[in-house]
């Protein structure tokens, strides 16, 4: 199984940005470790300012695709009420080196989302400089998540997830956190009719090194958006539609100031994410580990995303086995359906990664 849609290198993004024309001039906000330009765009003329950035993790491209679609809408004259009420600063691809290599990290193997305070990387500095200069009233931190998450314990796959990050270790609900919680509750309320039970909420353990936590501690409501898995949608085309709608709902809610009608409890009622899924569970497998043979086992397989020839290849990796597994498979197969040797030698697989 491969995907051409998940790979979004900077050349592709920059070509699309250049097609937007003079109405949306690009601002070079910095350069990556490898010297690639990092672009931003300013849109709108409203008093309320919203800063959005995507793909600080280079292998999380779905929200960047959503941003490019939204920019196309703006160029076509759609969503004019948003641009009338808001001023947007959009960074479509914060980590172009990571996007090109299809990796979470930048070219120095640093997770930019753990560099918010130290600011050791040029990409981190570019974002913080924009934050300081633009002085946003809201921030949208746009990400993608793995297929492993359920919306609540043993719930449906978490197609979208959100978080209002903590501002300190006590997790007190500051004014900034409250606005973020209300906004997420508004998004959830609107999208439940489209993807009922598929929306999760991340744990809010505080980490000042994370960008969202830092910005929230600086009294700016910051919303983490995570584009996840919808059944059988490994290209994330359906997820793309939902995450794009989520961004539009959030911007409209800020423009219309209707998020005030939602409560902290409505935010907290969103089920917390649980790591319950693997991509495939295979039934009836025989496992050989050392001198022991285990018959009629369930084998859990997780896809590893690998960039080959500008395509994302999903390589299966065995991660667990047993008579019973506390895991849910996005797909269930029997060994007879696969028509392969049922004896899998785990001596070859010295390290078994448990997700």
Protein backbone atom coordinates (compact mmCIF):
# COMPACT_ATOMS: atom_id res chain seq x y z
CA UNK A 1 0.00 0.00 0.00
CA UNK A 2 1.36 3.41 -0.99
CA UNK A 3 0.24 7.02 -0.92
CA UNK A 4 1.19 9.90 -3.19
CA UNK A 5 -1.09 12.35 -1.37
CA UNK A 6 0.67 12.16 2.00
CA UNK A 7 4.01 13.39 0.63
CA UNK A 8 4.07 17.16 0.33
CA UNK A 9 7.64 18.41 -0.27
CA UNK A 10 8.45 22.13 -0.15
CA UNK A 11 8.79 22.40 -3.93
CA UNK A 12 5.16 21.36 -4.30
CA UNK A 13 3.94 23.68 -1.53
CA UNK A 14 5.95 26.63 -2.83
CA UNK A 15 4.65 26.15 -6.38
CA UNK A 16 1.09 26.22 -5.05
CA UNK A 17 1.84 29.31 -2.97
CA UNK A 18 3.28 31.12 -5.98
CA UNK A 19 0.06 30.39 -7.90
CA UNK A 20 -1.87 32.52 -5.41
CA UNK A 21 -0.56 35.64 -7.12
CA UNK A 22 0.01 39.22 -6.00
CA UNK A 23 -3.12 39.29 -3.83
CA UNK A 24 -1.33 36.98 -1.39
CA UNK A 25 2.35 37.97 -1.42
CA UNK A 26 4.74 35.63 0.34
CA UNK A 27 6.83 36.78 3.29
CA UNK A 28 10.11 34.98 3.94
CA UNK A 29 10.10 34.60 7.73
CA UNK A 30 13.32 32.61 7.92
CA UNK A 31 15.34 29.76 6.49
CA UNK A 32 15.59 26.13 7.50
CA UNK A 33 18.75 24.35 8.63
CA UNK A 34 19.40 23.44 4.99
CA UNK A 35 18.71 26.96 3.78
CA UNK A 36 15.20 26.43 2.41
CA UNK A 37 12.89 29.46 2.72
CA UNK A 38 10.10 29.39 5.27
CA UNK A 39 7.13 31.37 3.99
CA UNK A 40 4.26 33.18 5.63
CA UNK A 41 1.24 35.06 4.34
CA UNK A 42 -0.84 37.86 5.84
CA UNK A 43 -4.54 38.02 4.99
CA UNK A 44 -7.56 39.94 6.20
CA UNK A 45 -8.16 43.31 7.77
CA UNK A 46 -9.92 42.54 11.04
CA UNK A 47 -8.84 43.63 14.50
CA UNK A 48 -8.66 40.09 15.89
CA UNK A 49 -5.42 38.40 14.89
CA UNK A 50 -4.99 34.63 14.41
CA UNK A 51 -1.62 32.94 13.81
CA UNK A 52 -1.73 29.52 12.11
CA UNK A 53 1.23 27.26 11.40
CA UNK A 54 1.39 23.78 9.92
CA UNK A 55 3.90 20.98 9.39
CA UNK A 56 6.35 21.80 12.15
CA UNK A 57 6.61 18.00 12.00
CA UNK A 58 7.56 17.24 8.41
CA UNK A 59 5.63 13.96 8.14
CA UNK A 60 2.32 15.57 9.16
CA UNK A 61 1.08 16.97 5.88
CA UNK A 62 -2.73 16.77 6.07
CA UNK A 63 -3.18 20.15 7.75
CA UNK A 64 -0.87 21.75 5.19
CA UNK A 65 -3.10 20.38 2.45
CA UNK A 66 -6.06 21.85 4.33
CA UNK A 67 -4.34 25.25 4.54
CA UNK A 68 -3.59 25.22 0.81
CA UNK A 69 -7.26 24.50 0.10
CA UNK A 70 -8.32 27.31 2.42
CA UNK A 71 -5.96 29.74 0.68
CA UNK A 72 -7.50 28.69 -2.64
CA UNK A 73 -10.93 29.47 -1.20
CA UNK A 74 -9.79 32.92 -0.10
CA UNK A 75 -8.38 33.61 -3.56
CA UNK A 76 -11.76 32.63 -5.07
CA UNK A 77 -13.55 35.10 -2.81
CA UNK A 78 -15.00 32.57 -0.37
CA UNK A 79 -15.20 33.06 3.41
CA UNK A 80 -15.08 36.83 3.02
CA UNK A 81 -16.64 37.26 6.46
CA UNK A 82 -13.54 35.68 8.01
CA UNK A 83 -11.18 38.10 6.28
CA UNK A 84 -13.44 41.04 7.13
CA UNK A 85 -13.37 40.26 10.84
CA UNK A 86 -9.94 38.69 11.29
CA UNK A 87 -6.32 39.26 10.35
CA UNK A 88 -4.57 35.97 9.63
CA UNK A 89 -0.87 35.15 9.58
CA UNK A 90 -0.42 31.71 8.01
CA UNK A 91 2.79 29.66 7.92
CA UNK A 92 1.91 26.72 5.64
CA UNK A 93 5.09 24.67 6.18
CA UNK A 94 7.30 25.55 9.13
CA UNK A 95 9.72 22.62 8.68
CA UNK A 96 10.53 22.33 4.94
CA UNK A 97 13.60 20.14 5.54
CA UNK A 98 11.53 17.66 7.52
CA UNK A 99 8.78 17.79 4.89
CA UNK A 100 11.27 17.02 2.13
CA UNK A 101 12.72 14.06 4.04
CA UNK A 102 9.27 13.05 5.39
CA UNK A 103 10.40 12.99 9.00
CA UNK A 104 9.08 14.43 12.23
CA UNK A 105 12.33 16.25 12.90
CA UNK A 106 14.27 19.05 11.23
CA UNK A 107 17.63 18.57 9.50
CA UNK A 108 19.42 18.68 12.87
CA UNK A 109 17.22 15.81 14.12
CA UNK A 110 15.47 18.18 16.55
CA UNK A 111 11.75 18.10 17.31
CA UNK A 112 10.80 21.75 16.81
CA UNK A 113 7.83 21.24 19.12
CA UNK A 114 10.25 20.63 22.01
CA UNK A 115 12.39 23.69 21.25
CA UNK A 116 9.98 26.47 22.23
CA UNK A 117 12.10 27.81 25.10
CA UNK A 118 15.66 26.94 24.05
CA UNK A 119 15.08 28.23 20.48
CA UNK A 120 18.15 26.38 19.21
CA UNK A 121 16.78 25.88 15.68
CA UNK A 122 16.17 28.41 12.89
CA UNK A 123 12.62 27.12 12.38
CA UNK A 124 11.82 27.68 16.07
CA UNK A 125 13.22 31.21 15.90
CA UNK A 126 11.21 31.98 12.77
CA UNK A 127 7.94 31.01 14.49
CA UNK A 128 8.75 32.85 17.73
CA UNK A 129 9.74 36.00 15.83
CA UNK A 130 6.41 35.99 13.98
CA UNK A 131 4.58 35.41 17.28
CA UNK A 132 6.36 38.35 18.92
CA UNK A 133 5.88 40.72 15.99
CA UNK A 134 2.31 39.78 15.04
CA UNK A 135 1.06 39.55 18.65
CA UNK A 136 -1.85 37.20 17.87
CA UNK A 137 -5.04 36.93 19.88
CA UNK A 138 -5.33 33.22 18.96
CA UNK A 139 -2.92 30.56 17.71
CA UNK A 140 -3.72 27.40 15.72
CA UNK A 141 -1.03 24.72 16.05
CA UNK A 142 -1.76 22.31 13.18
CA UNK A 143 -0.54 18.70 13.33
CA UNK A 144 -1.22 15.13 12.22
CA UNK A 145 -1.51 12.05 14.45
CA UNK A 146 -0.92 8.34 14.00
CA UNK A 147 -3.53 5.65 13.43
CA UNK A 148 -3.12 4.30 16.97
CA UNK A 149 -5.52 6.65 18.75
CA UNK A 150 -9.09 5.96 19.85
CA UNK A 151 -11.49 8.70 20.92
CA UNK A 152 -11.86 7.35 24.44
CA UNK A 153 -10.90 3.88 25.69
CA UNK A 154 -11.80 1.37 22.95
CA UNK A 155 -13.69 4.10 21.14
CA UNK A 156 -13.88 4.87 17.46
CA UNK A 157 -10.69 5.92 15.64
CA UNK A 158 -9.76 9.49 16.53
CA UNK A 159 -10.15 11.18 13.15
CA UNK A 160 -9.60 14.59 14.73
CA UNK A 161 -8.16 15.47 18.12
CA UNK A 162 -7.76 18.76 19.94
CA UNK A 163 -6.12 20.21 23.01
CA UNK A 164 -6.23 23.41 25.01
CA UNK A 165 -2.67 23.21 26.39
CA UNK A 166 -1.95 23.87 30.04
CA UNK A 167 -0.31 27.15 31.05
CA UNK A 168 1.55 25.69 34.03
CA UNK A 169 2.02 22.49 36.03
CA UNK A 170 -1.15 23.10 38.03
CA UNK A 171 -3.23 23.03 34.81
CA UNK A 172 -5.23 25.99 36.06
CA UNK A 173 -7.86 27.24 33.62
CA UNK A 174 -6.54 30.67 32.73
CA UNK A 175 -8.49 33.14 30.61
CA UNK A 176 -6.46 32.02 27.57
CA UNK A 177 -7.14 28.33 28.23
CA UNK A 178 -10.82 29.02 28.74
CA UNK A 179 -11.13 30.63 25.31
CA UNK A 180 -9.28 27.72 23.71
CA UNK A 181 -11.53 25.20 25.48
CA UNK A 182 -14.67 27.05 24.41
CA UNK A 183 -13.46 27.22 20.83
CA UNK A 184 -12.69 23.49 20.75
CA UNK A 185 -16.12 22.77 22.23
CA UNK A 186 -17.67 24.82 19.42
CA UNK A 187 -15.72 22.86 16.79
CA UNK A 188 -16.71 19.55 18.37
CA UNK A 189 -20.37 20.53 18.57
CA UNK A 190 -20.45 21.36 14.87
CA UNK A 191 -18.49 18.35 13.62
CA UNK A 192 -20.18 15.64 15.69
CA UNK A 193 -22.96 15.48 13.11
CA UNK A 194 -20.38 14.59 10.43
CA UNK A 195 -18.07 12.29 12.40
CA UNK A 196 -19.95 11.26 15.55
CA UNK A 197 -17.66 9.64 18.11
CA UNK A 198 -14.51 10.26 16.06
CA UNK A 199 -13.21 13.33 17.94
CA UNK A 200 -10.75 13.01 20.81
CA UNK A 201 -8.94 15.21 23.28
CA UNK A 202 -5.27 15.06 24.22
CA UNK A 203 -3.89 14.84 27.74
CA UNK A 204 -2.93 18.30 29.03
CA UNK A 205 0.25 17.47 30.94
CA UNK A 206 2.28 20.68 30.93
CA UNK A 207 5.59 20.94 29.07
CA UNK A 208 6.95 24.46 28.71
CA UNK A 209 9.21 23.27 25.87
CA UNK A 210 6.15 22.64 23.68
CA UNK A 211 5.08 25.61 21.59
CA UNK A 212 1.40 25.43 22.54
CA UNK A 213 2.16 25.29 26.25
CA UNK A 214 4.56 28.23 26.01
CA UNK A 215 2.16 30.41 24.02
CA UNK A 216 -0.69 29.58 26.41
CA UNK A 217 1.55 30.52 29.34
CA UNK A 218 2.02 33.87 27.58
CA UNK A 219 -1.77 34.36 27.75
CA UNK A 220 -2.55 33.61 24.10
CA UNK A 221 -5.30 31.00 23.52
CA UNK A 222 -3.63 28.22 21.52
CA UNK A 223 -5.52 25.33 19.98
CA UNK A 224 -3.81 22.10 18.99
CA UNK A 225 -5.45 20.55 15.90
CA UNK A 226 -4.56 16.93 15.08
CA UNK A 227 -5.59 15.30 11.80
CA UNK A 228 -5.92 11.56 12.42
CA UNK A 229 -7.30 8.39 10.89
CA UNK A 230 -10.72 7.75 9.38
CA UNK A 231 -11.53 4.10 8.53
CA UNK A 232 -9.83 2.93 5.30
CA UNK A 233 -8.59 6.46 4.61
CA UNK A 234 -4.80 6.02 4.61
CA UNK A 235 -4.47 8.81 2.03
CA UNK A 236 -6.25 11.01 4.60
CA UNK A 237 -8.51 12.50 1.93
CA UNK A 238 -11.61 12.23 4.13
CA UNK A 239 -9.69 13.48 7.15
CA UNK A 240 -8.55 16.41 5.00
CA UNK A 241 -12.16 17.48 4.53
CA UNK A 242 -12.89 17.27 8.26
CA UNK A 243 -9.77 19.13 9.41
CA UNK A 244 -10.34 21.85 6.84
CA UNK A 245 -13.91 22.24 8.09
CA UNK A 246 -12.61 22.38 11.65
CA UNK A 247 -10.30 25.27 10.80
CA UNK A 248 -13.10 27.16 9.02
CA UNK A 249 -15.52 26.53 11.92
CA UNK A 250 -12.93 27.82 14.38
CA UNK A 251 -12.17 30.97 12.36
CA UNK A 252 -15.88 31.71 11.91
CA UNK A 253 -16.49 31.15 15.60
CA UNK A 254 -13.78 33.68 16.48
CA UNK A 255 -15.09 36.14 13.87
CA UNK A 256 -18.65 35.85 15.19
CA UNK A 257 -17.56 35.50 18.84
CA UNK A 258 -20.06 32.69 19.34
CA UNK A 259 -17.60 30.36 21.11
CA UNK A 260 -18.46 32.17 24.39
CA UNK A 261 -21.67 30.14 24.49
CA UNK A 262 -19.72 26.93 25.15
CA UNK A 263 -18.46 25.70 28.51
CA UNK A 264 -15.40 24.07 30.02
CA UNK A 265 -17.55 21.02 30.75
CA UNK A 266 -18.42 20.64 27.07
CA UNK A 267 -14.71 20.63 26.30
CA UNK A 268 -13.97 18.11 29.04
CA UNK A 269 -16.79 15.87 27.79
CA UNK A 270 -14.74 15.19 24.66
CA UNK A 271 -13.21 11.73 25.33
CA UNK A 272 -9.49 11.62 25.98
CA UNK A 273 -7.36 9.82 23.41
CA UNK A 274 -6.34 6.24 24.13
CA UNK A 275 -3.65 4.23 22.31
CA UNK A 276 -5.89 1.27 21.45
CA UNK A 277 -5.44 0.69 17.69
CA UNK A 278 -3.07 -1.07 15.35
CA UNK A 279 -3.45 -1.14 11.60
CA UNK A 280 -4.01 -4.89 11.21
CA UNK A 281 -4.71 -7.84 13.49
CA UNK A 282 -4.07 -11.23 11.89
CA UNK A 283 -5.80 -14.28 13.38
CA UNK A 284 -4.56 -17.87 13.44
CA UNK A 285 -0.82 -17.17 13.32
CA UNK A 286 1.85 -19.58 14.58
CA UNK A 287 4.75 -17.81 16.33
CA UNK A 288 8.22 -19.24 16.97
CA UNK A 289 10.21 -17.44 19.64
CA UNK A 290 13.40 -19.16 20.64
CA UNK A 291 12.64 -22.82 21.26
CA UNK A 292 8.96 -22.22 21.91
CA UNK A 293 6.13 -22.33 19.40
CA UNK A 294 2.80 -20.61 20.04
CA UNK A 295 -0.14 -21.72 17.94
CA UNK A 296 -3.31 -19.87 16.93
CA UNK A 297 -2.09 -16.43 17.96
CA UNK A 298 -3.37 -12.96 17.22
CA UNK A 299 -0.63 -10.90 15.58
CA UNK A 300 -0.74 -7.09 15.73
CA UNK A 301 0.76 -5.21 12.78
CA UNK A 302 1.49 -1.50 12.60
CA UNK A 303 2.31 0.27 9.34
CA UNK A 304 5.59 2.18 9.22
CA UNK A 305 5.55 5.14 6.82
CA UNK A 306 8.62 5.18 4.59
CA UNK A 307 9.43 7.63 1.79
CA UNK A 308 10.44 5.82 -1.43
CA UNK A 309 10.47 7.45 -4.87
CA UNK A 310 8.32 10.39 -3.72
CA UNK A 311 5.64 8.05 -2.41
CA UNK A 312 4.81 6.98 1.12
CA UNK A 313 5.10 3.22 1.46
CA UNK A 314 3.28 1.61 4.40
CA UNK A 315 5.59 -1.16 5.58
CA UNK A 316 4.03 -3.68 8.00
CA UNK A 317 5.82 -4.28 11.30
CA UNK A 318 4.83 -6.94 13.83
CA UNK A 319 4.42 -5.23 17.20
CA UNK A 320 2.67 -7.73 19.51
CA UNK A 321 1.08 -11.17 19.64
CA UNK A 322 -0.93 -13.33 22.01
CA UNK A 323 -4.09 -15.35 22.49
CA UNK A 324 -5.76 -12.11 23.50
CA UNK A 325 -4.71 -8.57 22.71
CA UNK A 326 -5.93 -5.37 24.32
CA UNK A 327 -5.82 -3.76 20.89
CA UNK A 328 -8.26 -3.04 18.08
CA UNK A 329 -7.34 -3.61 14.45
CA UNK A 330 -8.42 -1.12 11.81
CA UNK A 331 -8.45 -4.27 9.69
CA UNK A 332 -8.86 -7.90 10.77
CA UNK A 333 -7.55 -10.74 8.63
CA UNK A 334 -7.09 -14.46 9.05
CA UNK A 335 -3.82 -16.09 8.12
CA UNK A 336 -5.66 -18.18 5.52
CA UNK A 337 -6.79 -15.03 3.73
CA UNK A 338 -3.18 -13.87 3.46
CA UNK A 339 -2.06 -17.21 2.00
CA UNK A 340 1.39 -17.03 3.60
CA UNK A 341 3.46 -19.27 5.86
CA UNK A 342 1.82 -19.19 9.29
CA UNK A 343 5.15 -19.60 11.12
CA UNK A 344 6.61 -16.22 12.02
CA UNK A 345 10.05 -16.37 13.63
CA UNK A 346 10.47 -13.63 16.21
CA UNK A 347 14.16 -14.50 16.58
CA UNK A 348 14.58 -12.47 13.41
CA UNK A 349 12.63 -9.59 14.93
CA UNK A 350 14.91 -8.89 17.91
CA UNK A 351 13.16 -5.66 18.86
CA UNK A 352 9.39 -5.60 19.01
CA UNK A 353 8.05 -2.06 19.13
CA UNK A 354 4.91 -1.76 21.21
CA UNK A 355 2.82 1.30 20.32
